[in-house]
C-alpha atoms as a PDB file:
ATOM      1  CA  UNK A   1       0.000   0.000   0.000  1.00  0.00           C
ATOM      2  CA  UNK A   2       1.329   3.458  -0.967  1.00  0.00           C
ATOM      3  CA  UNK A   3       0.355   6.502   1.095  1.00  0.00           C
ATOM      4  CA  UNK A   4       0.303   9.748  -0.850  1.00  0.00           C
ATOM      5  CA  UNK A   5      -1.792  12.221   1.041  1.00  0.00           C
ATOM      6  CA  UNK A   6      -1.011  13.910   4.315  1.00  0.00           C
ATOM      7  CA  UNK A   7      -4.048  12.239   5.899  1.00  0.00           C
ATOM      8  CA  UNK A   8      -2.947   8.775   4.750  1.00  0.00           C
ATOM      9  CA  UNK A   9       0.579   9.269   6.102  1.00  0.00           C
ATOM     10  CA  UNK A  10      -0.881  10.394   9.409  1.00  0.00           C
ATOM     11  CA  UNK A  11      -3.035   7.248   9.528  1.00  0.00           C
ATOM     12  CA  UNK A  12       0.027   5.072   8.980  1.00  0.00           C
ATOM     13  CA  UNK A  13       1.964   6.802  11.765  1.00  0.00           C
ATOM     14  CA  UNK A  14      -0.893   6.599  14.259  1.00  0.00           C
ATOM     15  CA  UNK A  15      -2.336   3.141  13.503  1.00  0.00           C
ATOM     16  CA  UNK A  16      -0.235   0.827  11.412  1.00  0.00           C
ATOM     17  CA  UNK A  17       3.312   1.413  12.631  1.00  0.00           C
ATOM     18  CA  UNK A  18       2.569   0.793  16.340  1.00  0.00           C
ATOM     19  CA  UNK A  19       0.747  -2.404  15.429  1.00  0.00           C
ATOM     20  CA  UNK A  20       3.607  -3.619  13.254  1.00  0.00           C
ATOM     21  CA  UNK A  21       6.114  -2.812  15.988  1.00  0.00           C
ATOM     22  CA  UNK A  22       4.084  -4.803  18.504  1.00  0.00           C
ATOM     23  CA  UNK A  23       4.049  -7.807  16.192  1.00  0.00           C
ATOM     24  CA  UNK A  24       7.799  -7.574  15.604  1.00  0.00           C
ATOM     25  CA  UNK A  25       8.562  -7.235  19.306  1.00  0.00           C
ATOM     26  CA  UNK A  26       6.421 -10.264  20.127  1.00  0.00           C
ATOM     27  CA  UNK A  27       8.186 -12.303  17.456  1.00  0.00           C
ATOM     28  CA  UNK A  28      11.585 -11.264  18.756  1.00  0.00           C
ATOM     29  CA  UNK A  29      10.644 -12.206  22.315  1.00  0.00           C
ATOM     30  CA  UNK A  30       9.569 -15.662  21.181  1.00  0.00           C
ATOM     31  CA  UNK A  31      12.544 -16.296  18.910  1.00  0.00           C
ATOM     32  CA  UNK A  32      15.115 -14.669  21.190  1.00  0.00           C
ATOM     33  CA  UNK A  33      16.831 -15.947  24.298  1.00  0.00           C
ATOM     34  CA  UNK A  34      13.762 -15.884  26.580  1.00  0.00           C
ATOM     35  CA  UNK A  35      11.773 -19.134  26.322  1.00  0.00           C
ATOM     36  CA  UNK A  36       7.993 -18.979  26.364  1.00  0.00           C
ATOM     37  CA  UNK A  37       6.413 -19.800  29.706  1.00  0.00           C
ATOM     38  CA  UNK A  38       4.269 -22.914  30.084  1.00  0.00           C
ATOM     39  CA  UNK A  39       0.521 -22.552  29.717  1.00  0.00           C
ATOM     40  CA  UNK A  40      -0.952 -21.744  33.148  1.00  0.00           C
ATOM     41  CA  UNK A  41      -2.465 -24.787  34.839  1.00  0.00           C
ATOM     42  CA  UNK A  42      -2.687 -26.371  38.247  1.00  0.00           C
ATOM     43  CA  UNK A  43       0.172 -26.864  40.658  1.00  0.00           C
ATOM     44  CA  UNK A  44       1.930 -30.137  41.499  1.00  0.00           C
ATOM     45  CA  UNK A  45       3.197 -31.103  44.969  1.00  0.00           C
ATOM     46  CA  UNK A  46       5.468 -34.110  44.492  1.00  0.00           C
ATOM     47  CA  UNK A  47       7.051 -35.974  47.411  1.00  0.00           C
ATOM     48  CA  UNK A  48      10.133 -38.160  47.033  1.00  0.00           C
ATOM     49  CA  UNK A  49       8.825 -40.843  49.400  1.00  0.00           C
ATOM     50  CA  UNK A  50       9.279 -41.337  53.107  1.00  0.00           C
ATOM     51  CA  UNK A  51       7.410 -38.970  55.413  1.00  0.00           C
ATOM     52  CA  UNK A  52       4.540 -36.841  54.171  1.00  0.00           C
ATOM     53  CA  UNK A  53       5.405 -33.820  56.270  1.00  0.00           C
ATOM     54  CA  UNK A  54       2.541 -31.749  57.616  1.00  0.00           C
ATOM     55  CA  UNK A  55       3.685 -28.552  55.860  1.00  0.00           C
ATOM     56  CA  UNK A  56       3.760 -30.319  52.483  1.00  0.00           C
ATOM     57  CA  UNK A  57       0.354 -31.929  52.876  1.00  0.00           C
ATOM     58  CA  UNK A  58      -1.186 -28.712  54.185  1.00  0.00           C
ATOM     59  CA  UNK A  59       0.158 -26.928  51.085  1.00  0.00           C
ATOM     60  CA  UNK A  60      -1.563 -29.549  48.925  1.00  0.00           C
ATOM     61  CA  UNK A  61      -4.859 -28.969  50.776  1.00  0.00           C
ATOM     62  CA  UNK A  62      -4.449 -25.189  50.523  1.00  0.00           C
ATOM     63  CA  UNK A  63      -3.823 -25.320  46.766  1.00  0.00           C
ATOM     64  CA  UNK A  64      -6.879 -27.553  46.334  1.00  0.00           C
ATOM     65  CA  UNK A  65      -9.032 -24.890  47.967  1.00  0.00           C
ATOM     66  CA  UNK A  66      -9.066 -25.779  51.653  1.00  0.00           C
ATOM     67  CA  UNK A  67     -10.418 -28.513  53.894  1.00  0.00           C
ATOM     68  CA  UNK A  68     -13.803 -28.678  52.141  1.00  0.00           C
ATOM     69  CA  UNK A  69     -12.328 -29.022  48.647  1.00  0.00           C
ATOM     70  CA  UNK A  70     -13.086 -32.303  46.844  1.00  0.00           C
ATOM     71  CA  UNK A  71     -10.050 -34.598  46.985  1.00  0.00           C
ATOM     72  CA  UNK A  72      -9.547 -37.879  45.151  1.00  0.00           C
ATOM     73  CA  UNK A  73      -6.809 -40.357  45.966  1.00  0.00           C
ATOM     74  CA  UNK A  74      -5.455 -42.857  43.451  1.00  0.00           C
ATOM     75  CA  UNK A  75      -3.828 -45.764  45.357  1.00  0.00           C
ATOM     76  CA  UNK A  76      -3.236 -47.799  42.192  1.00  0.00           C
ATOM     77  CA  UNK A  77       0.528 -48.136  42.676  1.00  0.00           C
ATOM     78  CA  UNK A  78       0.061 -50.137  45.879  1.00  0.00           C
ATOM     79  CA  UNK A  79      -1.141 -53.718  46.228  1.00  0.00           C
ATOM     80  CA  UNK A  80      -1.607 -53.454  50.002  1.00  0.00           C
ATOM     81  CA  UNK A  81      -5.241 -53.998  50.986  1.00  0.00           C
ATOM     82  CA  UNK A  82      -5.168 -51.350  53.697  1.00  0.00           C
ATOM     83  CA  UNK A  83      -3.960 -48.533  51.407  1.00  0.00           C
ATOM     84  CA  UNK A  84      -7.426 -47.041  50.705  1.00  0.00           C
ATOM     85  CA  UNK A  85      -8.206 -46.857  54.421  1.00  0.00           C
ATOM     86  CA  UNK A  86      -4.778 -45.360  55.145  1.00  0.00           C
ATOM     87  CA  UNK A  87      -5.492 -42.452  52.782  1.00  0.00           C
ATOM     88  CA  UNK A  88      -9.006 -41.951  54.134  1.00  0.00           C
ATOM     89  CA  UNK A  89      -7.536 -41.658  57.628  1.00  0.00           C
ATOM     90  CA  UNK A  90      -4.686 -39.412  56.458  1.00  0.00           C
ATOM     91  CA  UNK A  91      -6.885 -36.883  54.708  1.00  0.00           C
ATOM     92  CA  UNK A  92      -9.923 -36.957  56.983  1.00  0.00           C
ATOM     93  CA  UNK A  93      -8.496 -37.514  60.472  1.00  0.00           C
ATOM     94  CA  UNK A  94      -5.013 -35.995  60.194  1.00  0.00           C
ATOM     95  CA  UNK A  95      -5.523 -33.244  57.617  1.00  0.00           C
ATOM     96  CA  UNK A  96      -9.174 -32.426  58.312  1.00  0.00           C
ATOM     97  CA  UNK A  97     -10.474 -32.846  54.758  1.00  0.00           C
ATOM     98  CA  UNK A  98     -14.240 -33.306  54.575  1.00  0.00           C
ATOM     99  CA  UNK A  99     -14.666 -34.474  50.964  1.00  0.00           C
ATOM    100  CA  UNK A 100     -12.351 -37.393  50.123  1.00  0.00           C
ATOM    101  CA  UNK A 101     -12.894 -40.225  47.651  1.00  0.00           C
ATOM    102  CA  UNK A 102     -10.406 -43.047  47.102  1.00  0.00           C
ATOM    103  CA  UNK A 103     -10.692 -44.358  43.541  1.00  0.00           C
ATOM    104  CA  UNK A 104     -10.412 -48.197  43.455  1.00  0.00           C
ATOM    105  CA  UNK A 105      -8.570 -48.358  40.135  1.00  0.00           C
ATOM    106  CA  UNK A 106      -6.564 -51.490  39.435  1.00  0.00           C
ATOM    107  CA  UNK A 107      -6.956 -51.795  35.657  1.00  0.00           C
ATOM    108  CA  UNK A 108      -8.149 -49.822  32.648  1.00  0.00           C
ATOM    109  CA  UNK A 109     -11.704 -51.094  32.967  1.00  0.00           C
ATOM    110  CA  UNK A 110     -11.933 -49.481  36.410  1.00  0.00           C
ATOM    111  CA  UNK A 111     -10.704 -46.177  34.954  1.00  0.00           C
ATOM    112  CA  UNK A 112     -13.668 -46.158  32.565  1.00  0.00           C
ATOM    113  CA  UNK A 113     -16.370 -46.414  35.254  1.00  0.00           C
ATOM    114  CA  UNK A 114     -18.686 -43.383  34.990  1.00  0.00           C
ATOM    115  CA  UNK A 115     -18.779 -42.858  38.775  1.00  0.00           C
ATOM    116  CA  UNK A 116     -14.984 -42.736  39.027  1.00  0.00           C
ATOM    117  CA  UNK A 117     -14.749 -40.435  35.999  1.00  0.00           C
ATOM    118  CA  UNK A 118     -17.267 -38.086  37.629  1.00  0.00           C
ATOM    119  CA  UNK A 119     -15.303 -38.087  40.906  1.00  0.00           C
ATOM    120  CA  UNK A 120     -12.070 -37.253  39.083  1.00  0.00           C
ATOM    121  CA  UNK A 121     -13.766 -34.497  37.070  1.00  0.00           C
ATOM    122  CA  UNK A 122     -15.021 -32.638  40.153  1.00  0.00           C
ATOM    123  CA  UNK A 123     -11.784 -32.993  42.123  1.00  0.00           C
ATOM    124  CA  UNK A 124      -9.752 -29.939  43.092  1.00  0.00           C
ATOM    125  CA  UNK A 125      -6.938 -32.098  44.427  1.00  0.00           C
ATOM    126  CA  UNK A 126      -5.737 -35.434  43.033  1.00  0.00           C
ATOM    127  CA  UNK A 127      -3.188 -37.429  45.053  1.00  0.00           C
ATOM    128  CA  UNK A 128      -1.263 -40.449  43.696  1.00  0.00           C
ATOM    129  CA  UNK A 129       0.008 -42.901  46.299  1.00  0.00           C
ATOM    130  CA  UNK A 130       3.278 -44.828  46.326  1.00  0.00           C
ATOM    131  CA  UNK A 131       4.208 -48.342  45.281  1.00  0.00           C
ATOM    132  CA  UNK A 132       5.044 -49.342  41.694  1.00  0.00           C
ATOM    133  CA  UNK A 133       4.620 -46.530  39.155  1.00  0.00           C
ATOM    134  CA  UNK A 134       4.139 -49.000  36.299  1.00  0.00           C
ATOM    135  CA  UNK A 135       0.827 -50.044  37.834  1.00  0.00           C
ATOM    136  CA  UNK A 136      -0.340 -46.440  37.562  1.00  0.00           C
ATOM    137  CA  UNK A 137       0.476 -46.020  33.899  1.00  0.00           C
ATOM    138  CA  UNK A 138      -0.820 -49.456  32.900  1.00  0.00           C
ATOM    139  CA  UNK A 139      -4.166 -48.710  34.524  1.00  0.00           C
ATOM    140  CA  UNK A 140      -4.604 -45.045  33.578  1.00  0.00           C
ATOM    141  CA  UNK A 141      -3.021 -44.210  30.236  1.00  0.00           C
ATOM    142  CA  UNK A 142      -5.651 -43.657  27.567  1.00  0.00           C
ATOM    143  CA  UNK A 143      -8.606 -43.794  29.967  1.00  0.00           C
ATOM    144  CA  UNK A 144     -11.525 -41.461  30.710  1.00  0.00           C
ATOM    145  CA  UNK A 145     -10.375 -41.026  34.333  1.00  0.00           C
ATOM    146  CA  UNK A 146      -6.981 -39.738  33.225  1.00  0.00           C
ATOM    147  CA  UNK A 147      -8.601 -37.377  30.718  1.00  0.00           C
ATOM    148  CA  UNK A 148     -10.860 -36.057  33.483  1.00  0.00           C
ATOM    149  CA  UNK A 149      -7.792 -35.461  35.657  1.00  0.00           C
ATOM    150  CA  UNK A 150      -6.055 -33.621  32.802  1.00  0.00           C
ATOM    151  CA  UNK A 151      -9.059 -31.330  32.353  1.00  0.00           C
ATOM    152  CA  UNK A 152      -9.261 -30.683  36.094  1.00  0.00           C
ATOM    153  CA  UNK A 153      -5.554 -29.849  36.220  1.00  0.00           C
ATOM    154  CA  UNK A 154      -5.851 -27.483  33.257  1.00  0.00           C
ATOM    155  CA  UNK A 155      -8.575 -25.669  35.194  1.00  0.00           C
ATOM    156  CA  UNK A 156      -6.364 -25.328  38.253  1.00  0.00           C
ATOM    157  CA  UNK A 157      -6.703 -28.522  40.276  1.00  0.00           C
ATOM    158  CA  UNK A 158      -3.552 -29.499  42.157  1.00  0.00           C
ATOM    159  CA  UNK A 159      -1.868 -32.864  41.628  1.00  0.00           C
ATOM    160  CA  UNK A 160       0.060 -34.477  44.454  1.00  0.00           C
ATOM    161  CA  UNK A 161       2.014 -37.669  44.731  1.00  0.00           C
ATOM    162  CA  UNK A 162       4.580 -39.576  46.701  1.00  0.00           C
ATOM    163  CA  UNK A 163       7.288 -42.011  45.561  1.00  0.00           C
ATOM    164  CA  UNK A 164       5.763 -43.867  42.578  1.00  0.00           C
ATOM    165  CA  UNK A 165       3.061 -41.188  42.524  1.00  0.00           C
ATOM    166  CA  UNK A 166       5.835 -38.680  41.829  1.00  0.00           C
ATOM    167  CA  UNK A 167       7.817 -40.745  39.320  1.00  0.00           C
ATOM    168  CA  UNK A 168       4.778 -41.241  37.057  1.00  0.00           C
ATOM    169  CA  UNK A 169       4.170 -37.512  36.492  1.00  0.00           C
ATOM    170  CA  UNK A 170       6.874 -36.860  33.856  1.00  0.00           C
ATOM    171  CA  UNK A 171       6.473 -37.667  30.159  1.00  0.00           C
ATOM    172  CA  UNK A 172       9.438 -40.082  30.283  1.00  0.00           C
ATOM    173  CA  UNK A 173       8.998 -42.329  33.328  1.00  0.00           C
ATOM    174  CA  UNK A 174      11.708 -44.365  35.045  1.00  0.00           C
ATOM    175  CA  UNK A 175      10.218 -47.771  35.874  1.00  0.00           C
ATOM    176  CA  UNK A 176      12.846 -48.933  38.343  1.00  0.00           C
ATOM    177  CA  UNK A 177      14.127 -51.660  36.016  1.00  0.00           C
ATOM    178  CA  UNK A 178      17.665 -51.722  34.599  1.00  0.00           C
ATOM    179  CA  UNK A 179      21.347 -51.762  35.490  1.00  0.00           C
ATOM    180  CA  UNK A 180      22.083 -48.903  37.864  1.00  0.00           C
ATOM    181  CA  UNK A 181      25.744 -49.733  38.475  1.00  0.00           C
ATOM    182  CA  UNK A 182      26.965 -47.734  35.455  1.00  0.00           C
ATOM    183  CA  UNK A 183      26.258 -44.511  33.557  1.00  0.00           C
ATOM    184  CA  UNK A 184      25.611 -46.074  30.186  1.00  0.00           C
ATOM    185  CA  UNK A 185      23.223 -45.859  27.248  1.00  0.00           C
ATOM    186  CA  UNK A 186      20.275 -48.239  27.393  1.00  0.00           C
ATOM    187  CA  UNK A 187      20.870 -49.160  31.029  1.00  0.00           C
ATOM    188  CA  UNK A 188      17.619 -47.757  32.448  1.00  0.00           C
ATOM    189  CA  UNK A 189      14.112 -48.689  31.323  1.00  0.00           C
ATOM    190  CA  UNK A 190      11.915 -45.745  30.352  1.00  0.00           C
ATOM    191  CA  UNK A 191       8.238 -45.873  29.432  1.00  0.00           C
ATOM    192  CA  UNK A 192       5.515 -43.327  28.840  1.00  0.00           C
ATOM    193  CA  UNK A 193       4.456 -41.484  31.978  1.00  0.00           C
ATOM    194  CA  UNK A 194       1.358 -39.405  32.651  1.00  0.00           C
ATOM    195  CA  UNK A 195       3.026 -36.292  31.214  1.00  0.00           C
ATOM    196  CA  UNK A 196       1.843 -33.666  33.683  1.00  0.00           C
ATOM    197  CA  UNK A 197       5.417 -32.347  33.657  1.00  0.00           C
ATOM    198  CA  UNK A 198       7.189 -31.777  30.329  1.00  0.00           C
ATOM    199  CA  UNK A 199      10.912 -31.403  29.652  1.00  0.00           C
ATOM    200  CA  UNK A 200      11.827 -32.938  33.004  1.00  0.00           C
ATOM    201  CA  UNK A 201      12.554 -36.507  34.085  1.00  0.00           C
ATOM    202  CA  UNK A 202      11.644 -37.148  37.712  1.00  0.00           C
ATOM    203  CA  UNK A 203      13.259 -39.467  40.226  1.00  0.00           C
ATOM    204  CA  UNK A 204      12.445 -40.094  43.878  1.00  0.00           C
ATOM    205  CA  UNK A 205      14.027 -41.519  47.086  1.00  0.00           C
ATOM    206  CA  UNK A 206      17.046 -40.032  45.363  1.00  0.00           C
ATOM    207  CA  UNK A 207      19.852 -39.452  47.848  1.00  0.00           C
ATOM    208  CA  UNK A 208      18.527 -41.916  50.415  1.00  0.00           C
ATOM    209  CA  UNK A 209      18.740 -44.768  47.853  1.00  0.00           C
ATOM    210  CA  UNK A 210      21.780 -43.479  45.922  1.00  0.00           C
ATOM    211  CA  UNK A 211      20.050 -43.273  42.549  1.00  0.00           C
ATOM    212  CA  UNK A 212      22.366 -40.830  40.800  1.00  0.00           C
ATOM    213  CA  UNK A 213      23.634 -43.367  38.237  1.00  0.00           C
ATOM    214  CA  UNK A 214      20.234 -44.172  36.838  1.00  0.00           C
ATOM    215  CA  UNK A 215      19.047 -40.580  36.533  1.00  0.00           C
ATOM    216  CA  UNK A 216      22.320 -39.422  34.965  1.00  0.00           C
ATOM    217  CA  UNK A 217      22.116 -42.238  32.411  1.00  0.00           C
ATOM    218  CA  UNK A 218      18.564 -41.285  31.469  1.00  0.00           C
ATOM    219  CA  UNK A 219      19.223 -37.542  31.316  1.00  0.00           C
ATOM    220  CA  UNK A 220      22.351 -37.938  29.179  1.00  0.00           C
ATOM    221  CA  UNK A 221      20.304 -39.988  26.739  1.00  0.00           C
ATOM    222  CA  UNK A 222      17.763 -37.125  26.703  1.00  0.00           C
ATOM    223  CA  UNK A 223      20.067 -34.106  27.017  1.00  0.00           C
ATOM    224  CA  UNK A 224      17.289 -31.649  26.182  1.00  0.00           C
ATOM    225  CA  UNK A 225      15.642 -32.575  29.512  1.00  0.00           C
ATOM    226  CA  UNK A 226      16.374 -31.629  33.098  1.00  0.00           C
ATOM    227  CA  UNK A 227      16.628 -34.305  35.744  1.00  0.00           C
ATOM    228  CA  UNK A 228      14.807 -33.373  38.948  1.00  0.00           C
ATOM    229  CA  UNK A 229      15.433 -35.773  41.821  1.00  0.00           C
ATOM    230  CA  UNK A 230      13.413 -35.460  45.017  1.00  0.00           C
ATOM    231  CA  UNK A 231      14.761 -37.021  48.194  1.00  0.00           C
ATOM    232  CA  UNK A 232      12.723 -38.696  50.919  1.00  0.00           C
ATOM    233  CA  UNK A 233      10.746 -36.560  53.408  1.00  0.00           C
ATOM    234  CA  UNK A 234      10.864 -33.762  50.807  1.00  0.00           C
ATOM    235  CA  UNK A 235       8.635 -32.321  48.094  1.00  0.00           C
ATOM    236  CA  UNK A 236       9.080 -30.252  44.961  1.00  0.00           C
ATOM    237  CA  UNK A 237       6.189 -27.803  44.652  1.00  0.00           C
ATOM    238  CA  UNK A 238       5.873 -27.143  40.896  1.00  0.00           C
ATOM    239  CA  UNK A 239       4.062 -23.918  40.046  1.00  0.00           C
ATOM    240  CA  UNK A 240       2.341 -22.995  36.751  1.00  0.00           C
ATOM    241  CA  UNK A 241       5.055 -20.441  35.898  1.00  0.00           C
ATOM    242  CA  UNK A 242       7.715 -23.153  35.504  1.00  0.00           C
ATOM    243  CA  UNK A 243       9.364 -22.703  38.903  1.00  0.00           C
ATOM    244  CA  UNK A 244       9.451 -25.143  41.779  1.00  0.00           C
ATOM    245  CA  UNK A 245      10.209 -24.719  45.471  1.00  0.00           C
ATOM    246  CA  UNK A 246      11.710 -27.287  47.825  1.00  0.00           C
ATOM    247  CA  UNK A 247       9.602 -28.184  50.862  1.00  0.00           C
ATOM    248  CA  UNK A 248      10.180 -30.651  53.691  1.00  0.00           C
ATOM    249  CA  UNK A 249      13.275 -31.928  55.460  1.00  0.00           C
ATOM    250  CA  UNK A 250      15.882 -32.818  52.808  1.00  0.00           C
ATOM    251  CA  UNK A 251      16.927 -31.719  49.325  1.00  0.00           C
ATOM    252  CA  UNK A 252      16.147 -31.788  45.623  1.00  0.00           C
ATOM    253  CA  UNK A 253      18.876 -32.249  43.006  1.00  0.00           C
ATOM    254  CA  UNK A 254      18.686 -30.784  39.504  1.00  0.00           C
ATOM    255  CA  UNK A 255      20.845 -32.300  36.756  1.00  0.00           C
ATOM    256  CA  UNK A 256      21.156 -29.966  33.768  1.00  0.00           C
ATOM    257  CA  UNK A 257      23.005 -31.222  30.661  1.00  0.00           C
ATOM    258  CA  UNK A 258      21.101 -28.905  28.312  1.00  0.00           C
ATOM    259  CA  UNK A 259      23.399 -27.513  25.632  1.00  0.00           C
ATOM    260  CA  UNK A 260      26.471 -29.476  26.745  1.00  0.00           C
ATOM    261  CA  UNK A 261      28.305 -32.042  24.584  1.00  0.00           C
ATOM    262  CA  UNK A 262      27.303 -35.594  25.474  1.00  0.00           C
ATOM    263  CA  UNK A 263      29.670 -38.341  24.343  1.00  0.00           C
ATOM    264  CA  UNK A 264      29.215 -42.106  24.046  1.00  0.00           C
ATOM    265  CA  UNK A 265      32.016 -44.646  23.979  1.00  0.00           C
ATOM    266  CA  UNK A 266      31.870 -47.190  21.134  1.00  0.00           C
ATOM    267  CA  UNK A 267      29.932 -50.355  21.926  1.00  0.00           C
ATOM    268  CA  UNK A 268      28.781 -53.166  19.642  1.00  0.00           C
ATOM    269  CA  UNK A 269      25.440 -53.432  21.415  1.00  0.00           C
ATOM    270  CA  UNK A 270      24.812 -49.679  21.338  1.00  0.00           C
ATOM    271  CA  UNK A 271      25.114 -49.443  25.113  1.00  0.00           C
ATOM    272  CA  UNK A 272      28.284 -47.406  25.365  1.00  0.00           C
ATOM    273  CA  UNK A 273      29.389 -45.473  28.421  1.00  0.00           C
ATOM    274  CA  UNK A 274      28.031 -41.928  28.557  1.00  0.00           C
ATOM    275  CA  UNK A 275      30.115 -38.838  29.215  1.00  0.00           C
ATOM    276  CA  UNK A 276      29.491 -35.096  29.270  1.00  0.00           C
ATOM    277  CA  UNK A 277      31.504 -31.896  29.662  1.00  0.00           C
ATOM    278  CA  UNK A 278      30.177 -28.824  31.451  1.00  0.00           C
ATOM    279  CA  UNK A 279      27.013 -30.374  32.889  1.00  0.00           C
ATOM    280  CA  UNK A 280      25.566 -28.349  35.765  1.00  0.00           C
ATOM    281  CA  UNK A 281      24.235 -29.838  38.996  1.00  0.00           C
ATOM    282  CA  UNK A 282      22.272 -28.008  41.692  1.00  0.00           C
ATOM    283  CA  UNK A 283      21.448 -29.295  45.163  1.00  0.00           C
ATOM    284  CA  UNK A 284      18.550 -27.266  46.516  1.00  0.00           C
ATOM    285  CA  UNK A 285      17.724 -27.052  50.201  1.00  0.00           C
ATOM    286  CA  UNK A 286      14.278 -26.519  51.776  1.00  0.00           C
ATOM    287  CA  UNK A 287      12.947 -23.071  50.924  1.00  0.00           C
ATOM    288  CA  UNK A 288      15.075 -22.683  47.795  1.00  0.00           C
ATOM    289  CA  UNK A 289      13.540 -22.393  44.333  1.00  0.00           C
ATOM    290  CA  UNK A 290      14.488 -23.190  40.730  1.00  0.00           C
ATOM    291  CA  UNK A 291      13.218 -21.925  37.375  1.00  0.00           C
ATOM    292  CA  UNK A 292      12.988 -24.889  34.995  1.00  0.00           C
ATOM    293  CA  UNK A 293      12.509 -22.624  31.980  1.00  0.00           C
ATOM    294  CA  UNK A 294      15.560 -20.418  32.547  1.00  0.00           C
ATOM    295  CA  UNK A 295      17.395 -23.306  34.244  1.00  0.00           C
ATOM    296  CA  UNK A 296      18.604 -21.241  37.181  1.00  0.00           C
ATOM    297  CA  UNK A 297      18.162 -20.869  40.917  1.00  0.00           C
ATOM    298  CA  UNK A 298      15.726 -18.060  41.731  1.00  0.00           C
ATOM    299  CA  UNK A 299      14.659 -16.298  44.938  1.00  0.00           C
ATOM    300  CA  UNK A 300      12.001 -18.118  46.906  1.00  0.00           C
ATOM    301  CA  UNK A 301       8.658 -16.398  47.447  1.00  0.00           C
END
């Protein structure tokens, strides 16, 4: 378009140029060094196993909306018969929750029951118990209950978990199977997790059970991911803005190989030793916070 009159040039200066500048600035912000923030959603309060400290569990209740908020518990990871009653007692008697439903999901057919789907859909807090994380994914992936949980989380519901209930939340899930004596390609079994956390691989019971080899192996095979390892008696409180804060009694370790050269020694079976130069590691204490988008320690709130 060619502007010839004084009025047309004035229109361009007042209307078009500011709009074009706004578009260009937005494009530069996206393509430049500042990554886009995740889409706002619910929080996650993920415990590494061991004690469920009162401060951590009270934060979960607070984020759900208080003691009268609808809570569902998914005990699928555990085979112990008393697990459902344990969680009823924990939430009702110890934490004071008034609206708690334990979903008896053992297989995919259970996760298609209309009553359980309805309970998951109305929940403002969803808590995954410990045990074997593979039981969770086998029973929930591709089911109406999981889709209801996803929708609830997108609307702001908080997800909590402990041990296996933490491990299952990342897109790539460590099953607990493999050779953990080396840092080597193909030594740790990974399967699809629930995917409530992207770009991060989670581990739990980390320092207490000396699990650094397995997480380093996995992260070096996926060097575009962060490893976030939560120790026992400790939680990582993940917020919608991409930051998390350490809560509880111990620490959370972050393994960050992003952008660093990962090397593999030759091996006929494709399972060579893994090496890296310049990888960063952070050990965060209770009250400290980390930005998973900028990959840096940030002030706690």
